[in-house]
Amino acid sequence: MLLMEKIYNDLKAEALVETAEDFSQDWCRRSRSWFAVQKKSDSDLSAQAAIACLQTAQIKLALTHLRKKHVGSIVDSEIETLRDVKASLEAYLQEQHSILSVVPAKTPKPKML
């Protein structure tokens, strides 16, 4: 199984993504059909798509940690999944693309009411 499929399935199981199209656009910053094209051609994540996905995971992990302060342990499984996704992408980037680190994306500040 391709890493992108594993990540998509893990995120979908935690309800962190709804469709492959959402994964393509919201997580990998690609076109809606990107996941389907990659899967059909048996291609995995490019370095750019893996970095985009990693940055999205970093942001969502930080935001989920903030949510944990308000909702408690209910988000623990989301945090675990996001940590696993982050670790998998970091290992993939190092092994497949010789990228040792990625500058974290800026986490948006929560809006105050």
C-alpha atoms as a PDB file:
ATOM      1  CA  MET A   1       0.000   0.000   0.000  1.00  0.00           C
ATOM      2  CA  LEU A   2       1.233   3.478  -0.867  1.00  0.00           C
ATOM      3  CA  LEU A   3       1.991   5.846   2.006  1.00  0.00           C
ATOM      4  CA  MET A   4      -0.581   8.348   0.731  1.00  0.00           C
ATOM      5  CA  GLU A   5      -3.268   5.636   0.864  1.00  0.00           C
ATOM      6  CA  LYS A   6      -2.281   4.646   4.397  1.00  0.00           C
ATOM      7  CA  ILE A   7      -2.356   8.259   5.556  1.00  0.00           C
ATOM      8  CA  TYR A   8      -5.695   8.864   3.854  1.00  0.00           C
ATOM      9  CA  ASN A   9      -7.203   5.720   5.421  1.00  0.00           C
ATOM     10  CA  ASP A  10      -5.871   6.655   8.889  1.00  0.00           C
ATOM     11  CA  LEU A  11      -7.243  10.185   8.626  1.00  0.00           C
ATOM     12  CA  LYS A  12     -10.588   8.953   7.310  1.00  0.00           C
ATOM     13  CA  ALA A  13     -10.884   6.429  10.154  1.00  0.00           C
ATOM     14  CA  GLU A  14     -10.523   9.320  12.636  1.00  0.00           C
ATOM     15  CA  ALA A  15     -12.939  11.512  10.634  1.00  0.00           C
ATOM     16  CA  LEU A  16     -10.129  14.006   9.994  1.00  0.00           C
ATOM     17  CA  VAL A  17     -10.900  13.889   6.276  1.00  0.00           C
ATOM     18  CA  GLU A  18     -14.099  12.928   4.474  1.00  0.00           C
ATOM     19  CA  THR A  19     -13.125  12.136   0.891  1.00  0.00           C
ATOM     20  CA  ALA A  20     -10.067  11.532  -1.267  1.00  0.00           C
ATOM     21  CA  GLU A  21     -10.836  14.829  -2.991  1.00  0.00           C
ATOM     22  CA  ASP A  22     -10.710  16.635   0.366  1.00  0.00           C
ATOM     23  CA  PHE A  23      -7.421  14.897   1.158  1.00  0.00           C
ATOM     24  CA  SER A  24      -6.007  16.015  -2.185  1.00  0.00           C
ATOM     25  CA  GLN A  25      -7.001  19.638  -1.740  1.00  0.00           C
ATOM     26  CA  ASP A  26      -6.983  20.253   2.010  1.00  0.00           C
ATOM     27  CA  TRP A  27      -4.040  18.091   3.068  1.00  0.00           C
ATOM     28  CA  CYS A  28      -1.764  17.870   0.013  1.00  0.00           C
ATOM     29  CA  ARG A  29      -2.673  21.191  -1.649  1.00  0.00           C
ATOM     30  CA  ARG A  30      -3.311  19.495  -4.971  1.00  0.00           C
ATOM     31  CA  SER A  31      -6.228  19.310  -7.397  1.00  0.00           C
ATOM     32  CA  ARG A  32      -9.396  17.401  -6.473  1.00  0.00           C
ATOM     33  CA  SER A  33      -8.456  14.506  -8.754  1.00  0.00           C
ATOM     34  CA  TRP A  34      -4.829  14.239  -7.611  1.00  0.00           C
ATOM     35  CA  PHE A  35      -5.349  11.275  -5.245  1.00  0.00           C
ATOM     36  CA  ALA A  36      -7.239   9.274  -7.883  1.00  0.00           C
ATOM     37  CA  VAL A  37      -4.583   9.951 -10.520  1.00  0.00           C
ATOM     38  CA  GLN A  38      -1.751   9.025  -8.141  1.00  0.00           C
ATOM     39  CA  LYS A  39      -3.524   5.833  -7.088  1.00  0.00           C
ATOM     40  CA  LYS A  40      -4.344   4.776 -10.657  1.00  0.00           C
ATOM     41  CA  SER A  41      -0.743   5.310 -11.770  1.00  0.00           C
ATOM     42  CA  ASP A  42       0.559   3.587  -8.611  1.00  0.00           C
ATOM     43  CA  SER A  43       2.498   6.735  -7.687  1.00  0.00           C
ATOM     44  CA  ASP A  44       3.090   7.915  -4.161  1.00  0.00           C
ATOM     45  CA  LEU A  45       3.604  11.331  -2.651  1.00  0.00           C
ATOM     46  CA  SER A  46       6.004  13.717  -4.338  1.00  0.00           C
ATOM     47  CA  ALA A  47       8.289  15.661  -2.034  1.00  0.00           C
ATOM     48  CA  GLN A  48       6.083  18.749  -2.466  1.00  0.00           C
ATOM     49  CA  ALA A  49       2.865  16.875  -1.669  1.00  0.00           C
ATOM     50  CA  ALA A  50       4.463  15.149   1.332  1.00  0.00           C
ATOM     51  CA  ILE A  51       5.710  18.485   2.675  1.00  0.00           C
ATOM     52  CA  ALA A  52       2.275  20.059   2.224  1.00  0.00           C
ATOM     53  CA  CYS A  53       0.656  17.114   3.988  1.00  0.00           C
ATOM     54  CA  LEU A  54       3.234  17.256   6.783  1.00  0.00           C
ATOM     55  CA  GLN A  55       2.644  20.967   7.311  1.00  0.00           C
ATOM     56  CA  THR A  56      -1.113  20.397   7.419  1.00  0.00           C
ATOM     57  CA  ALA A  57      -0.629  17.618   9.970  1.00  0.00           C
ATOM     58  CA  GLN A  58       1.571  19.916  12.082  1.00  0.00           C
ATOM     59  CA  ILE A  59      -1.080  22.647  12.075  1.00  0.00           C
ATOM     60  CA  LYS A  60      -3.925  20.264  12.843  1.00  0.00           C
ATOM     61  CA  LEU A  61      -1.902  18.638  15.625  1.00  0.00           C
ATOM     62  CA  ALA A  62      -1.232  22.019  17.250  1.00  0.00           C
ATOM     63  CA  LEU A  63      -4.895  23.009  16.951  1.00  0.00           C
ATOM     64  CA  THR A  64      -6.017  19.665  18.368  1.00  0.00           C
ATOM     65  CA  HIS A  65      -3.729  20.165  21.363  1.00  0.00           C
ATOM     66  CA  LEU A  66      -5.450  23.504  21.931  1.00  0.00           C
ATOM     67  CA  ARG A  67      -8.862  21.818  21.664  1.00  0.00           C
ATOM     68  CA  LYS A  68      -7.771  19.237  24.211  1.00  0.00           C
ATOM     69  CA  LYS A  69      -7.597  21.976  26.834  1.00  0.00           C
ATOM     70  CA  HIS A  70     -11.332  22.520  26.334  1.00  0.00           C
ATOM     71  CA  VAL A  71     -12.690  19.065  25.533  1.00  0.00           C
ATOM     72  CA  GLY A  72     -10.244  16.814  27.364  1.00  0.00           C
ATOM     73  CA  SER A  73      -9.232  13.308  26.415  1.00  0.00           C
ATOM     74  CA  ILE A  74     -11.916  12.975  23.735  1.00  0.00           C
ATOM     75  CA  VAL A  75      -9.339  14.103  21.149  1.00  0.00           C
ATOM     76  CA  ASP A  76      -6.544  11.757  22.279  1.00  0.00           C
ATOM     77  CA  SER A  77      -7.072   9.362  19.362  1.00  0.00           C
ATOM     78  CA  GLU A  78      -6.948  12.293  16.903  1.00  0.00           C
ATOM     79  CA  ILE A  79      -3.679  13.436  18.466  1.00  0.00           C
ATOM     80  CA  GLU A  80      -2.239   9.930  18.203  1.00  0.00           C
ATOM     81  CA  THR A  81      -3.274   9.624  14.545  1.00  0.00           C
ATOM     82  CA  LEU A  82      -1.849  13.029  13.680  1.00  0.00           C
ATOM     83  CA  ARG A  83       1.428  12.187  15.439  1.00  0.00           C
ATOM     84  CA  ASP A  84       1.635   8.919  13.485  1.00  0.00           C
ATOM     85  CA  VAL A  85       0.931  10.725  10.203  1.00  0.00           C
ATOM     86  CA  LYS A  86       3.583  13.331  11.019  1.00  0.00           C
ATOM     87  CA  ALA A  87       6.164  10.658  11.895  1.00  0.00           C
ATOM     88  CA  SER A  88       5.388   8.642   8.753  1.00  0.00           C
ATOM     89  CA  LEU A  89       5.760  11.685   6.524  1.00  0.00           C
ATOM     90  CA  GLU A  90       9.011  12.747   8.177  1.00  0.00           C
ATOM     91  CA  ALA A  91      10.458   9.247   7.718  1.00  0.00           C
ATOM     92  CA  TYR A  92       9.232   9.110   4.102  1.00  0.00           C
ATOM     93  CA  LEU A  93      10.780  12.486   3.274  1.00  0.00           C
ATOM     94  CA  GLN A  94      14.087  11.432   4.808  1.00  0.00           C
ATOM     95  CA  GLU A  95      14.212   7.986   3.179  1.00  0.00           C
ATOM     96  CA  GLN A  96      12.765   8.795  -0.253  1.00  0.00           C
ATOM     97  CA  HIS A  97      13.824  12.409  -0.783  1.00  0.00           C
ATOM     98  CA  SER A  98      16.778  12.937   1.608  1.00  0.00           C
ATOM     99  CA  ILE A  99      14.901  15.767   3.345  1.00  0.00           C
ATOM    100  CA  LEU A 100      15.893  15.807   7.000  1.00  0.00           C
ATOM    101  CA  SER A 101      13.545  18.492   8.281  1.00  0.00           C
ATOM    102  CA  VAL A 102      10.762  20.780   7.188  1.00  0.00           C
ATOM    103  CA  VAL A 103      10.118  24.191   8.659  1.00  0.00           C
ATOM    104  CA  PRO A 104       6.745  23.978  10.398  1.00  0.00           C
ATOM    105  CA  ALA A 105       3.930  25.938   8.830  1.00  0.00           C
ATOM    106  CA  LYS A 106       2.606  28.813  10.873  1.00  0.00           C
ATOM    107  CA  THR A 107      -0.317  27.792  13.029  1.00  0.00           C
ATOM    108  CA  PRO A 108      -3.241  30.159  12.668  1.00  0.00           C
ATOM    109  CA  LYS A 109      -4.226  31.838  15.919  1.00  0.00           C
ATOM    110  CA  PRO A 110      -7.640  30.823  17.197  1.00  0.00           C
ATOM    111  CA  LYS A 111     -10.294  33.472  16.767  1.00  0.00           C
ATOM    112  CA  MET A 112     -11.459  35.029  19.982  1.00  0.00           C
ATOM    113  CA  LEU A 113     -15.159  35.587  20.444  1.00  0.00           C
END
